[in-house]
Amino acid sequence: MAQLSLLRLHEVIARTGLSRSTIYATPDFPKPVPLTRR
């Protein structure tokens, strides 16, 4: 059932267009913080 939930979440994100926001919000992805801290 976890896969179904993920699929639904993906669909919702794609529909809202916040896929990038969610991807950047995840701690797994490297945040562009050090770049702006220069």
PDB file of N, CA and C in Angstrom:
ATOM      1  N   MET A   1       0.848  -1.203   0.000  1.00  0.00           N
ATOM      2  CA  MET A   1       0.000   0.000   0.000  1.00  0.00           C
ATOM      3  C   MET A   1       0.886   1.256   0.000  1.00  0.00           C
ATOM      4  N   ALA A   2       2.114   1.095   0.426  1.00  0.00           N
ATOM      5  CA  ALA A   2       3.013   2.263   0.479  1.00  0.00           C
ATOM      6  C   ALA A   2       3.234   2.810  -0.926  1.00  0.00           C
ATOM      7  N   GLN A   3       3.368   1.892  -1.882  1.00  0.00           N
ATOM      8  CA  GLN A   3       3.602   2.330  -3.265  1.00  0.00           C
ATOM      9  C   GLN A   3       2.427   3.161  -3.762  1.00  0.00           C
ATOM     10  N   LEU A   4       1.226   2.720  -3.425  1.00  0.00           N
ATOM     11  CA  LEU A   4       0.034   3.446  -3.879  1.00  0.00           C
ATOM     12  C   LEU A   4       0.068   4.870  -3.323  1.00  0.00           C
ATOM     13  N   SER A   5       0.442   4.988  -2.072  1.00  0.00           N
ATOM     14  CA  SER A   5       0.484   6.306  -1.426  1.00  0.00           C
ATOM     15  C   SER A   5       1.510   7.189  -2.136  1.00  0.00           C
ATOM     16  N   LEU A   6       2.670   6.613  -2.419  1.00  0.00           N
ATOM     17  CA  LEU A   6       3.729   7.370  -3.091  1.00  0.00           C
ATOM     18  C   LEU A   6       3.256   7.822  -4.459  1.00  0.00           C
ATOM     19  N   LEU A   7       2.598   6.912  -5.162  1.00  0.00           N
ATOM     20  CA  LEU A   7       2.108   7.236  -6.507  1.00  0.00           C
ATOM     21  C   LEU A   7       1.125   8.393  -6.423  1.00  0.00           C
ATOM     22  N   ARG A   8       0.247   8.319  -5.457  1.00  0.00           N
ATOM     23  CA  ARG A   8      -0.769   9.371  -5.318  1.00  0.00           C
ATOM     24  C   ARG A   8      -0.089  10.696  -4.975  1.00  0.00           C
ATOM     25  N   LEU A   9       0.888  10.632  -4.097  1.00  0.00           N
ATOM     26  CA  LEU A   9       1.605  11.845  -3.708  1.00  0.00           C
ATOM     27  C   LEU A   9       2.302  12.453  -4.920  1.00  0.00           C
ATOM     28  N   HIS A  10       2.905  11.583  -5.716  1.00  0.00           N
ATOM     29  CA  HIS A  10       3.597  12.050  -6.922  1.00  0.00           C
ATOM     30  C   HIS A  10       2.614  12.759  -7.847  1.00  0.00           C
ATOM     31  N   GLU A  11       1.448  12.149  -7.988  1.00  0.00           N
ATOM     32  CA  GLU A  11       0.433  12.737  -8.884  1.00  0.00           C
ATOM     33  C   GLU A  11       0.001  14.112  -8.367  1.00  0.00           C
ATOM     34  N   VAL A  12      -0.241  14.180  -7.076  1.00  0.00           N
ATOM     35  CA  VAL A  12      -0.677  15.451  -6.473  1.00  0.00           C
ATOM     36  C   VAL A  12       0.405  16.517  -6.647  1.00  0.00           C
ATOM     37  N   ILE A  13       1.638  16.123  -6.388  1.00  0.00           N
ATOM     38  CA  ILE A  13       2.759  17.068  -6.518  1.00  0.00           C
ATOM     39  C   ILE A  13       2.874  17.551  -7.958  1.00  0.00           C
ATOM     40  N   ALA A  14       2.788  16.610  -8.894  1.00  0.00           N
ATOM     41  CA  ALA A  14       2.894  16.964 -10.317  1.00  0.00           C
ATOM     42  C   ALA A  14       1.758  17.910 -10.690  1.00  0.00           C
ATOM     43  N   ARG A  15       0.597  17.684 -10.126  1.00  0.00           N
ATOM     44  CA  ARG A  15      -0.568  18.526 -10.456  1.00  0.00           C
ATOM     45  C   ARG A  15      -0.399  19.921  -9.859  1.00  0.00           C
ATOM     46  N   THR A  16       0.119  19.985  -8.652  1.00  0.00           N
ATOM     47  CA  THR A  16       0.279  21.283  -7.991  1.00  0.00           C
ATOM     48  C   THR A  16       1.532  21.994  -8.513  1.00  0.00           C
ATOM     49  N   GLY A  17       2.448  21.214  -9.071  1.00  0.00           N
ATOM     50  CA  GLY A  17       3.659  21.829  -9.623  1.00  0.00           C
ATOM     51  C   GLY A  17       4.665  22.153  -8.528  1.00  0.00           C
ATOM     52  N   LEU A  18       4.553  21.449  -7.396  1.00  0.00           N
ATOM     53  CA  LEU A  18       5.487  21.713  -6.290  1.00  0.00           C
ATOM     54  C   LEU A  18       6.523  20.594  -6.183  1.00  0.00           C
ATOM     55  N   SER A  19       6.664  19.847  -7.269  1.00  0.00           N
ATOM     56  CA  SER A  19       7.606  18.728  -7.246  1.00  0.00           C
ATOM     57  C   SER A  19       9.008  19.243  -6.906  1.00  0.00           C
ATOM     58  N   ARG A  20       9.404  20.335  -7.515  1.00  0.00           N
ATOM     59  CA  ARG A  20      10.745  20.885  -7.249  1.00  0.00           C
ATOM     60  C   ARG A  20      10.851  21.334  -5.796  1.00  0.00           C
ATOM     61  N   SER A  21       9.826  21.967  -5.308  1.00  0.00           N
ATOM     62  CA  SER A  21       9.831  22.461  -3.923  1.00  0.00           C
ATOM     63  C   SER A  21       9.991  21.298  -2.946  1.00  0.00           C
ATOM     64  N   THR A  22       9.241  20.213  -3.220  1.00  0.00           N
ATOM     65  CA  THR A  22       9.323  19.064  -2.318  1.00  0.00           C
ATOM     66  C   THR A  22      10.697  18.422  -2.410  1.00  0.00           C
ATOM     67  N   ILE A  23      11.219  18.318  -3.622  1.00  0.00           N
ATOM     68  CA  ILE A  23      12.534  17.691  -3.807  1.00  0.00           C
ATOM     69  C   ILE A  23      13.592  18.490  -3.044  1.00  0.00           C
ATOM     70  N   TYR A  24      13.497  19.815  -3.134  1.00  0.00           N
ATOM     71  CA  TYR A  24      14.487  20.657  -2.449  1.00  0.00           C
ATOM     72  C   TYR A  24      14.274  20.636  -0.939  1.00  0.00           C
ATOM     73  N   ALA A  25      13.028  20.405  -0.538  1.00  0.00           N
ATOM     74  CA  ALA A  25      12.708  20.412   0.891  1.00  0.00           C
ATOM     75  C   ALA A  25      13.217  19.142   1.563  1.00  0.00           C
ATOM     76  N   THR A  26      13.396  18.074   0.760  1.00  0.00           N
ATOM     77  CA  THR A  26      13.856  16.806   1.336  1.00  0.00           C
ATOM     78  C   THR A  26      15.312  16.936   1.790  1.00  0.00           C
ATOM     79  N   PRO A  27      15.625  16.412   2.950  1.00  0.00           N
ATOM     80  CA  PRO A  27      16.998  16.472   3.480  1.00  0.00           C
ATOM     81  C   PRO A  27      17.948  15.596   2.682  1.00  0.00           C
ATOM     82  N   ASP A  28      17.394  14.641   1.918  1.00  0.00           N
ATOM     83  CA  ASP A  28      18.248  13.754   1.121  1.00  0.00           C
ATOM     84  C   ASP A  28      18.955  14.539   0.025  1.00  0.00           C
ATOM     85  N   PHE A  29      18.277  15.569  -0.483  1.00  0.00           N
ATOM     86  CA  PHE A  29      18.872  16.359  -1.566  1.00  0.00           C
ATOM     87  C   PHE A  29      19.753  17.470  -0.992  1.00  0.00           C
ATOM     88  N   PRO A  30      20.891  17.711  -1.604  1.00  0.00           N
ATOM     89  CA  PRO A  30      21.808  18.772  -1.131  1.00  0.00           C
ATOM     90  C   PRO A  30      21.193  20.148  -1.324  1.00  0.00           C
ATOM     91  N   LYS A  31      21.072  20.867  -0.247  1.00  0.00           N
ATOM     92  CA  LYS A  31      20.446  22.201  -0.344  1.00  0.00           C
ATOM     93  C   LYS A  31      21.467  23.226  -0.857  1.00  0.00           C
ATOM     94  N   PRO A  32      21.016  24.129  -1.701  1.00  0.00           N
ATOM     95  CA  PRO A  32      21.910  25.170  -2.246  1.00  0.00           C
ATOM     96  C   PRO A  32      22.159  26.288  -1.240  1.00  0.00           C
ATOM     97  N   VAL A  33      22.424  25.916  -0.006  1.00  0.00           N
ATOM     98  CA  VAL A  33      22.639  26.931   1.032  1.00  0.00           C
ATOM     99  C   VAL A  33      24.076  27.454   0.995  1.00  0.00           C
ATOM    100  N   PRO A  34      25.062  26.541   0.905  1.00  0.00           N
ATOM    101  CA  PRO A  34      26.468  26.982   0.886  1.00  0.00           C
ATOM    102  C   PRO A  34      26.755  27.888  -0.309  1.00  0.00           C
ATOM    103  N   LEU A  35      25.993  27.714  -1.381  1.00  0.00           N
ATOM    104  CA  LEU A  35      26.214  28.533  -2.581  1.00  0.00           C
ATOM    105  C   LEU A  35      25.833  29.988  -2.310  1.00  0.00           C
ATOM    106  N   THR A  36      24.724  30.176  -1.594  1.00  0.00           N
ATOM    107  CA  THR A  36      24.262  31.543  -1.325  1.00  0.00           C
ATOM    108  C   THR A  36      25.061  32.140  -0.157  1.00  0.00           C
ATOM    109  N   ARG A  37      25.700  31.258   0.629  1.00  0.00           N
ATOM    110  CA  ARG A  37      26.448  31.749   1.801  1.00  0.00           C
ATOM    111  C   ARG A  37      27.783  32.343   1.354  1.00  0.00           C
ATOM    112  N   ARG A  38      28.170  32.121   0.118  1.00  0.00           N
ATOM    113  CA  ARG A  38      29.487  32.590  -0.344  1.00  0.00           C
ATOM    114  C   ARG A  38      29.571  34.049  -0.030  1.00  0.00           C
TER     115      ARG A  38
END
